[in-house]
Amino acid sequence: MCLAIPGRIIEMVDEANRLARVDVAGVRRTVNVGLLDDARIDDWVLIHVGFAISRVDEEEAAATIALLEGMGADYELELEELRHSVIE
């Protein structure tokens, strides 16, 4: 299963290639933010297969995280896959 999960942009790591470091439930990974014209540090974004696909506000991010946590094992599996993914 591939979920779109909320994460917060904590750093722009490669502006030319539109790569940002994102924190997703304590997991920090580099994702492509090229689909979002003006993504900035502290923005909350939905991440799917290594891409930030939309911006969300903090309230929506928290509600989505709560919903995903309620999925239990599926959400944990998604986080585990995220821990082992690499975008460079």
PDB file of N, CA and C in Angstrom:
ATOM      1  N   MET A   1       0.847  -1.171   0.000  1.00  0.00           N
ATOM      2  CA  MET A   1       0.000   0.000   0.000  1.00  0.00           C
ATOM      3  C   MET A   1       0.895   1.237   0.000  1.00  0.00           C
ATOM      4  N   CYS A   2       0.517   2.220  -0.764  1.00  0.00           N
ATOM      5  CA  CYS A   2       1.226   3.492  -0.757  1.00  0.00           C
ATOM      6  C   CYS A   2       0.244   4.577  -0.345  1.00  0.00           C
ATOM      7  N   LEU A   3       0.535   5.194   0.758  1.00  0.00           N
ATOM      8  CA  LEU A   3      -0.310   6.258   1.286  1.00  0.00           C
ATOM      9  C   LEU A   3       0.337   7.607   1.018  1.00  0.00           C
ATOM     10  N   ALA A   4      -0.469   8.637   0.926  1.00  0.00           N
ATOM     11  CA  ALA A   4       0.067  10.003   0.935  1.00  0.00           C
ATOM     12  C   ALA A   4       0.061  10.416   2.400  1.00  0.00           C
ATOM     13  N   ILE A   5       1.244  10.672   2.930  1.00  0.00           N
ATOM     14  CA  ILE A   5       1.355  10.968   4.356  1.00  0.00           C
ATOM     15  C   ILE A   5       1.913  12.370   4.572  1.00  0.00           C
ATOM     16  N   PRO A   6       1.439  13.046   5.615  1.00  0.00           N
ATOM     17  CA  PRO A   6       1.896  14.410   5.875  1.00  0.00           C
ATOM     18  C   PRO A   6       3.311  14.446   6.451  1.00  0.00           C
ATOM     19  N   GLY A   7       4.041  15.445   6.024  1.00  0.00           N
ATOM     20  CA  GLY A   7       5.363  15.702   6.576  1.00  0.00           C
ATOM     21  C   GLY A   7       5.622  17.193   6.566  1.00  0.00           C
ATOM     22  N   ARG A   8       6.558  17.626   7.402  1.00  0.00           N
ATOM     23  CA  ARG A   8       6.898  19.044   7.489  1.00  0.00           C
ATOM     24  C   ARG A   8       8.276  19.264   6.892  1.00  0.00           C
ATOM     25  N   ILE A   9       8.389  20.214   5.978  1.00  0.00           N
ATOM     26  CA  ILE A   9       9.684  20.536   5.365  1.00  0.00           C
ATOM     27  C   ILE A   9      10.570  21.173   6.432  1.00  0.00           C
ATOM     28  N   ILE A  10      11.741  20.583   6.646  1.00  0.00           N
ATOM     29  CA  ILE A  10      12.653  21.117   7.656  1.00  0.00           C
ATOM     30  C   ILE A  10      13.897  21.757   7.055  1.00  0.00           C
ATOM     31  N   GLU A  11      14.152  21.468   5.761  1.00  0.00           N
ATOM     32  CA  GLU A  11      15.357  22.019   5.146  1.00  0.00           C
ATOM     33  C   GLU A  11      15.273  21.831   3.636  1.00  0.00           C
ATOM     34  N   MET A  12      15.754  22.817   2.895  1.00  0.00           N
ATOM     35  CA  MET A  12      15.921  22.656   1.453  1.00  0.00           C
ATOM     36  C   MET A  12      17.348  22.156   1.253  1.00  0.00           C
ATOM     37  N   VAL A  13      17.499  20.979   0.668  1.00  0.00           N
ATOM     38  CA  VAL A  13      18.840  20.395   0.551  1.00  0.00           C
ATOM     39  C   VAL A  13      19.452  20.576  -0.832  1.00  0.00           C
ATOM     40  N   ASP A  14      18.630  20.782  -1.852  1.00  0.00           N
ATOM     41  CA  ASP A  14      19.136  20.988  -3.211  1.00  0.00           C
ATOM     42  C   ASP A  14      18.087  21.793  -3.975  1.00  0.00           C
ATOM     43  N   GLU A  15      18.218  23.103  -3.901  1.00  0.00           N
ATOM     44  CA  GLU A  15      17.229  23.999  -4.511  1.00  0.00           C
ATOM     45  C   GLU A  15      17.144  23.797  -6.021  1.00  0.00           C
ATOM     46  N   ALA A  16      18.281  23.610  -6.677  1.00  0.00           N
ATOM     47  CA  ALA A  16      18.288  23.447  -8.133  1.00  0.00           C
ATOM     48  C   ALA A  16      17.470  22.243  -8.578  1.00  0.00           C
ATOM     49  N   ASN A  17      17.535  21.171  -7.818  1.00  0.00           N
ATOM     50  CA  ASN A  17      16.789  19.956  -8.153  1.00  0.00           C
ATOM     51  C   ASN A  17      15.489  19.826  -7.367  1.00  0.00           C
ATOM     52  N   ARG A  18      15.153  20.876  -6.577  1.00  0.00           N
ATOM     53  CA  ARG A  18      13.903  20.934  -5.801  1.00  0.00           C
ATOM     54  C   ARG A  18      13.773  19.772  -4.817  1.00  0.00           C
ATOM     55  N   LEU A  19      14.847  19.516  -4.069  1.00  0.00           N
ATOM     56  CA  LEU A  19      14.850  18.477  -3.053  1.00  0.00           C
ATOM     57  C   LEU A  19      14.845  19.100  -1.668  1.00  0.00           C
ATOM     58  N   ALA A  20      14.005  18.547  -0.802  1.00  0.00           N
ATOM     59  CA  ALA A  20      13.887  19.066   0.559  1.00  0.00           C
ATOM     60  C   ALA A  20      13.917  17.913   1.546  1.00  0.00           C
ATOM     61  N   ARG A  21      14.425  18.176   2.740  1.00  0.00           N
ATOM     62  CA  ARG A  21      14.372  17.206   3.836  1.00  0.00           C
ATOM     63  C   ARG A  21      13.048  17.426   4.544  1.00  0.00           C
ATOM     64  N   VAL A  22      12.314  16.328   4.749  1.00  0.00           N
ATOM     65  CA  VAL A  22      10.988  16.371   5.349  1.00  0.00           C
ATOM     66  C   VAL A  22      10.949  15.444   6.553  1.00  0.00           C
ATOM     67  N   ASP A  23      10.284  15.889   7.611  1.00  0.00           N
ATOM     68  CA  ASP A  23      10.087  15.067   8.804  1.00  0.00           C
ATOM     69  C   ASP A  23       8.678  14.476   8.760  1.00  0.00           C
ATOM     70  N   VAL A  24       8.623  13.150   8.750  1.00  0.00           N
ATOM     71  CA  VAL A  24       7.353  12.424   8.755  1.00  0.00           C
ATOM     72  C   VAL A  24       7.343  11.539   9.995  1.00  0.00           C
ATOM     73  N   ALA A  25       6.622  11.954  11.011  1.00  0.00           N
ATOM     74  CA  ALA A  25       6.509  11.167  12.247  1.00  0.00           C
ATOM     75  C   ALA A  25       7.878  10.763  12.789  1.00  0.00           C
ATOM     76  N   GLY A  26       8.826  11.688  12.731  1.00  0.00           N
ATOM     77  CA  GLY A  26      10.161  11.416  13.245  1.00  0.00           C
ATOM     78  C   GLY A  26      11.118  10.811  12.236  1.00  0.00           C
ATOM     79  N   VAL A  27      10.621  10.397  11.093  1.00  0.00           N
ATOM     80  CA  VAL A  27      11.460   9.872  10.015  1.00  0.00           C
ATOM     81  C   VAL A  27      11.810  11.033   9.101  1.00  0.00           C
ATOM     82  N   ARG A  28      13.099  11.216   8.864  1.00  0.00           N
ATOM     83  CA  ARG A  28      13.543  12.328   8.012  1.00  0.00           C
ATOM     84  C   ARG A  28      14.089  11.779   6.708  1.00  0.00           C
ATOM     85  N   ARG A  29      13.506  12.257   5.618  1.00  0.00           N
ATOM     86  CA  ARG A  29      13.887  11.803   4.296  1.00  0.00           C
ATOM     87  C   ARG A  29      13.889  12.973   3.338  1.00  0.00           C
ATOM     88  N   THR A  30      14.656  12.820   2.274  1.00  0.00           N
ATOM     89  CA  THR A  30      14.675  13.803   1.208  1.00  0.00           C
ATOM     90  C   THR A  30      13.559  13.459   0.228  1.00  0.00           C
ATOM     91  N   VAL A  31      12.776  14.465  -0.140  1.00  0.00           N
ATOM     92  CA  VAL A  31      11.702  14.285  -1.111  1.00  0.00           C
ATOM     93  C   VAL A  31      11.794  15.375  -2.163  1.00  0.00           C
ATOM     94  N   ASN A  32      11.184  15.121  -3.288  1.00  0.00           N
ATOM     95  CA  ASN A  32      11.142  16.098  -4.361  1.00  0.00           C
ATOM     96  C   ASN A  32       9.940  17.008  -4.152  1.00  0.00           C
ATOM     97  N   VAL A  33      10.182  18.314  -4.118  1.00  0.00           N
ATOM     98  CA  VAL A  33       9.101  19.288  -3.946  1.00  0.00           C
ATOM     99  C   VAL A  33       8.840  20.063  -5.239  1.00  0.00           C
ATOM    100  N   GLY A  34       9.303  19.531  -6.352  1.00  0.00           N
ATOM    101  CA  GLY A  34       9.186  20.207  -7.637  1.00  0.00           C
ATOM    102  C   GLY A  34       7.764  20.409  -8.121  1.00  0.00           C
ATOM    103  N   LEU A  35       6.808  19.644  -7.602  1.00  0.00           N
ATOM    104  CA  LEU A  35       5.412  19.820  -7.994  1.00  0.00           C
ATOM    105  C   LEU A  35       4.766  21.021  -7.317  1.00  0.00           C
ATOM    106  N   LEU A  36       5.428  21.569  -6.318  1.00  0.00           N
ATOM    107  CA  LEU A  36       4.911  22.725  -5.576  1.00  0.00           C
ATOM    108  C   LEU A  36       5.779  23.933  -5.898  1.00  0.00           C
ATOM    109  N   ASP A  37       5.187  24.944  -6.476  1.00  0.00           N
ATOM    110  CA  ASP A  37       5.955  26.095  -6.946  1.00  0.00           C
ATOM    111  C   ASP A  37       6.713  26.833  -5.856  1.00  0.00           C
ATOM    112  N   ASP A  38       6.105  26.969  -4.683  1.00  0.00           N
ATOM    113  CA  ASP A  38       6.738  27.808  -3.664  1.00  0.00           C
ATOM    114  C   ASP A  38       6.832  27.103  -2.311  1.00  0.00           C
ATOM    115  N   ALA A  39       7.252  25.845  -2.325  1.00  0.00           N
ATOM    116  CA  ALA A  39       7.421  25.108  -1.071  1.00  0.00           C
ATOM    117  C   ALA A  39       8.525  25.750  -0.240  1.00  0.00           C
ATOM    118  N   ARG A  40       8.252  25.890   1.063  1.00  0.00           N
ATOM    119  CA  ARG A  40       9.202  26.535   1.969  1.00  0.00           C
ATOM    120  C   ARG A  40       9.384  25.724   3.250  1.00  0.00           C
ATOM    121  N   ILE A  41      10.454  26.016   3.960  1.00  0.00           N
ATOM    122  CA  ILE A  41      10.700  25.413   5.273  1.00  0.00           C
ATOM    123  C   ILE A  41       9.494  25.693   6.166  1.00  0.00           C
ATOM    124  N   ASP A  42       9.104  24.698   6.926  1.00  0.00           N
ATOM    125  CA  ASP A  42       7.955  24.699   7.844  1.00  0.00           C
ATOM    126  C   ASP A  42       6.619  24.456   7.163  1.00  0.00           C
ATOM    127  N   ASP A  43       6.579  24.347   5.832  1.00  0.00           N
ATOM    128  CA  ASP A  43       5.338  23.961   5.163  1.00  0.00           C
ATOM    129  C   ASP A  43       5.033  22.501   5.477  1.00  0.00           C
ATOM    130  N   TRP A  44       3.751  22.201   5.638  1.00  0.00           N
ATOM    131  CA  TRP A  44       3.275  20.831   5.735  1.00  0.00           C
ATOM    132  C   TRP A  44       2.862  20.401   4.338  1.00  0.00           C
ATOM    133  N   VAL A  45       3.299  19.205   3.926  1.00  0.00           N
ATOM    134  CA  VAL A  45       2.999  18.697   2.597  1.00  0.00           C
ATOM    135  C   VAL A  45       2.558  17.240   2.695  1.00  0.00           C
ATOM    136  N   LEU A  46       1.785  16.806   1.712  1.00  0.00           N
ATOM    137  CA  LEU A  46       1.455  15.393   1.587  1.00  0.00           C
ATOM    138  C   LEU A  46       2.489  14.765   0.673  1.00  0.00           C
ATOM    139  N   ILE A  47       3.045  13.644   1.112  1.00  0.00           N
ATOM    140  CA  ILE A  47       4.119  12.983   0.384  1.00  0.00           C
ATOM    141  C   ILE A  47       3.613  11.640  -0.137  1.00  0.00           C
ATOM    142  N   HIS A  48       3.888  11.402  -1.414  1.00  0.00           N
ATOM    143  CA  HIS A  48       3.516  10.132  -2.034  1.00  0.00           C
ATOM    144  C   HIS A  48       4.647   9.716  -2.954  1.00  0.00           C
ATOM    145  N   VAL A  49       5.139   8.523  -2.783  1.00  0.00           N
ATOM    146  CA  VAL A  49       6.244   7.934  -3.553  1.00  0.00           C
ATOM    147  C   VAL A  49       7.396   8.914  -3.791  1.00  0.00           C
ATOM    148  N   GLY A  50       7.801   9.602  -2.734  1.00  0.00           N
ATOM    149  CA  GLY A  50       8.970  10.466  -2.806  1.00  0.00           C
ATOM    150  C   GLY A  50       8.725  11.876  -3.315  1.00  0.00           C
ATOM    151  N   PHE A  51       7.469  12.228  -3.564  1.00  0.00           N
ATOM    152  CA  PHE A  51       7.132  13.557  -4.051  1.00  0.00           C
ATOM    153  C   PHE A  51       6.154  14.235  -3.102  1.00  0.00           C
ATOM    154  N   ALA A  52       6.390  15.512  -2.866  1.00  0.00           N
ATOM    155  CA  ALA A  52       5.397  16.331  -2.166  1.00  0.00           C
ATOM    156  C   ALA A  52       4.346  16.669  -3.218  1.00  0.00           C
ATOM    157  N   ILE A  53       3.113  16.184  -3.001  1.00  0.00           N
ATOM    158  CA  ILE A  53       2.086  16.346  -4.040  1.00  0.00           C
ATOM    159  C   ILE A  53       1.114  17.488  -3.762  1.00  0.00           C
ATOM    160  N   SER A  54       1.049  17.938  -2.506  1.00  0.00           N
ATOM    161  CA  SER A  54       0.215  19.099  -2.195  1.00  0.00           C
ATOM    162  C   SER A  54       0.608  19.663  -0.839  1.00  0.00           C
ATOM    163  N   ARG A  55       0.259  20.915  -0.640  1.00  0.00           N
ATOM    164  CA  ARG A  55       0.498  21.583   0.629  1.00  0.00           C
ATOM    165  C   ARG A  55      -0.770  21.452   1.461  1.00  0.00           C
ATOM    166  N   VAL A  56      -0.619  21.241   2.765  1.00  0.00           N
ATOM    167  CA  VAL A  56      -1.758  21.191   3.687  1.00  0.00           C
ATOM    168  C   VAL A  56      -1.434  22.073   4.881  1.00  0.00           C
ATOM    169  N   ASP A  57      -2.469  22.523   5.594  1.00  0.00           N
ATOM    170  CA  ASP A  57      -2.182  23.299   6.793  1.00  0.00           C
ATOM    171  C   ASP A  57      -1.921  22.332   7.962  1.00  0.00           C
ATOM    172  N   GLU A  58      -1.414  22.877   9.050  1.00  0.00           N
ATOM    173  CA  GLU A  58      -1.014  22.049  10.182  1.00  0.00           C
ATOM    174  C   GLU A  58      -2.200  21.277  10.777  1.00  0.00           C
ATOM    175  N   GLU A  59      -3.363  21.901  10.780  1.00  0.00           N
ATOM    176  CA  GLU A  59      -4.561  21.240  11.324  1.00  0.00           C
ATOM    177  C   GLU A  59      -4.949  20.019  10.481  1.00  0.00           C
ATOM    178  N   GLU A  60      -4.922  20.193   9.167  1.00  0.00           N
ATOM    179  CA  GLU A  60      -5.238  19.066   8.282  1.00  0.00           C
ATOM    180  C   GLU A  60      -4.181  17.970   8.404  1.00  0.00           C
ATOM    181  N   ALA A  61      -2.909  18.372   8.523  1.00  0.00           N
ATOM    182  CA  ALA A  61      -1.838  17.392   8.697  1.00  0.00           C
ATOM    183  C   ALA A  61      -2.061  16.575   9.967  1.00  0.00           C
ATOM    184  N   ALA A  62      -2.398  17.245  11.076  1.00  0.00           N
ATOM    185  CA  ALA A  62      -2.622  16.545  12.345  1.00  0.00           C
ATOM    186  C   ALA A  62      -3.810  15.593  12.242  1.00  0.00           C
ATOM    187  N   ALA A  63      -4.880  16.019  11.589  1.00  0.00           N
ATOM    188  CA  ALA A  63      -6.059  15.162  11.432  1.00  0.00           C
ATOM    189  C   ALA A  63      -5.732  13.945  10.572  1.00  0.00           C
ATOM    190  N   THR A  64      -4.956  14.141   9.525  1.00  0.00           N
ATOM    191  CA  THR A  64      -4.566  13.037   8.654  1.00  0.00           C
ATOM    192  C   THR A  64      -3.662  12.060   9.385  1.00  0.00           C
ATOM    193  N   ILE A  65      -2.718  12.589  10.164  1.00  0.00           N
ATOM    194  CA  ILE A  65      -1.827  11.727  10.939  1.00  0.00           C
ATOM    195  C   ILE A  65      -2.639  10.886  11.923  1.00  0.00           C
ATOM    196  N   ALA A  66      -3.602  11.499  12.602  1.00  0.00           N
ATOM    197  CA  ALA A  66      -4.441  10.753  13.546  1.00  0.00           C
ATOM    198  C   ALA A  66      -5.197   9.641  12.833  1.00  0.00           C
ATOM    199  N   LEU A  67      -5.734   9.935  11.665  1.00  0.00           N
ATOM    200  CA  LEU A  67      -6.448   8.930  10.886  1.00  0.00           C
ATOM    201  C   LEU A  67      -5.511   7.790  10.477  1.00  0.00           C
ATOM    202  N   LEU A  68      -4.320   8.147  10.004  1.00  0.00           N
ATOM    203  CA  LEU A  68      -3.362   7.128   9.571  1.00  0.00           C
ATOM    204  C   LEU A  68      -2.894   6.268  10.742  1.00  0.00           C
ATOM    205  N   GLU A  69      -2.659   6.901  11.892  1.00  0.00           N
ATOM    206  CA  GLU A  69      -2.244   6.131  13.065  1.00  0.00           C
ATOM    207  C   GLU A  69      -3.311   5.111  13.444  1.00  0.00           C
ATOM    208  N   GLY A  70      -4.563   5.437  13.198  1.00  0.00           N
ATOM    209  CA  GLY A  70      -5.661   4.523  13.466  1.00  0.00           C
ATOM    210  C   GLY A  70      -5.656   3.306  12.561  1.00  0.00           C
ATOM    211  N   MET A  71      -4.910   3.375  11.449  1.00  0.00           N
ATOM    212  CA  MET A  71      -4.803   2.234  10.540  1.00  0.00           C
ATOM    213  C   MET A  71      -3.865   1.167  11.081  1.00  0.00           C
ATOM    214  N   GLY A  72      -3.096   1.525  12.104  1.00  0.00           N
ATOM    215  CA  GLY A  72      -2.225   0.553  12.758  1.00  0.00           C
ATOM    216  C   GLY A  72      -1.107   0.038  11.875  1.00  0.00           C
ATOM    217  N   ALA A  73      -1.140  -1.258  11.589  1.00  0.00           N
ATOM    218  CA  ALA A  73      -0.042  -1.940  10.909  1.00  0.00           C
ATOM    219  C   ALA A  73       0.239  -1.367   9.525  1.00  0.00           C
ATOM    220  N   ASP A  74      -0.789  -0.967   8.782  1.00  0.00           N
ATOM    221  CA  ASP A  74      -0.563  -0.409   7.446  1.00  0.00           C
ATOM    222  C   ASP A  74       0.239   0.885   7.515  1.00  0.00           C
ATOM    223  N   TYR A  75      -0.079   1.725   8.484  1.00  0.00           N
ATOM    224  CA  TYR A  75       0.649   2.984   8.655  1.00  0.00           C
ATOM    225  C   TYR A  75       2.079   2.707   9.099  1.00  0.00           C
ATOM    226  N   GLU A  76       2.256   1.786  10.024  1.00  0.00           N
ATOM    227  CA  GLU A  76       3.604   1.436  10.483  1.00  0.00           C
ATOM    228  C   GLU A  76       4.446   0.882   9.337  1.00  0.00           C
ATOM    229  N   LEU A  77       3.831   0.086   8.466  1.00  0.00           N
ATOM    230  CA  LEU A  77       4.540  -0.447   7.300  1.00  0.00           C
ATOM    231  C   LEU A  77       4.965   0.684   6.370  1.00  0.00           C
ATOM    232  N   GLU A  78       4.079   1.637   6.172  1.00  0.00           N
ATOM    233  CA  GLU A  78       4.398   2.784   5.318  1.00  0.00           C
ATOM    234  C   GLU A  78       5.578   3.576   5.892  1.00  0.00           C
ATOM    235  N   LEU A  79       5.579   3.792   7.197  1.00  0.00           N
ATOM    236  CA  LEU A  79       6.698   4.503   7.829  1.00  0.00           C
ATOM    237  C   LEU A  79       7.989   3.707   7.711  1.00  0.00           C
ATOM    238  N   GLU A  80       7.899   2.396   7.860  1.00  0.00           N
ATOM    239  CA  GLU A  80       9.093   1.543   7.731  1.00  0.00           C
ATOM    240  C   GLU A  80       9.664   1.625   6.318  1.00  0.00           C
ATOM    241  N   GLU A  81       8.797   1.600   5.333  1.00  0.00           N
ATOM    242  CA  GLU A  81       9.262   1.731   3.940  1.00  0.00           C
ATOM    243  C   GLU A  81       9.903   3.110   3.724  1.00  0.00           C
ATOM    244  N   LEU A  82       9.338   4.131   4.320  1.00  0.00           N
ATOM    245  CA  LEU A  82       9.892   5.472   4.206  1.00  0.00           C
ATOM    246  C   LEU A  82      11.284   5.542   4.836  1.00  0.00           C
ATOM    247  N   ARG A  83      11.460   4.871   5.973  1.00  0.00           N
ATOM    248  CA  ARG A  83      12.775   4.861   6.651  1.00  0.00           C
ATOM    249  C   ARG A  83      13.873   4.334   5.734  1.00  0.00           C
ATOM    250  N   HIS A  84      13.523   3.411   4.871  1.00  0.00           N
ATOM    251  CA  HIS A  84      14.527   2.743   4.030  1.00  0.00           C
ATOM    252  C   HIS A  84      14.599   3.297   2.622  1.00  0.00           C
ATOM    253  N   SER A  85      13.801   4.301   2.311  1.00  0.00           N
ATOM    254  CA  SER A  85      13.824   4.884   0.979  1.00  0.00           C
ATOM    255  C   SER A  85      14.925   5.935   0.891  1.00  0.00           C
ATOM    256  N   VAL A  86      15.391   6.136  -0.323  1.00  0.00           N
ATOM    257  CA  VAL A  86      16.444   7.144  -0.536  1.00  0.00           C
ATOM    258  C   VAL A  86      16.166   7.877  -1.845  1.00  0.00           C
ATOM    259  N   ILE A  87      16.189   9.188  -1.791  1.00  0.00           N
ATOM    260  CA  ILE A  87      16.127  10.028  -2.980  1.00  0.00           C
ATOM    261  C   ILE A  87      17.366  10.909  -2.927  1.00  0.00           C
ATOM    262  N   GLU A  88      18.142  10.852  -3.967  1.00  0.00           N
ATOM    263  CA  GLU A  88      19.369  11.669  -4.001  1.00  0.00           C
ATOM    264  C   GLU A  88      19.455  12.441  -5.271  1.00  0.00           C
TER     265      GLU A  88
END
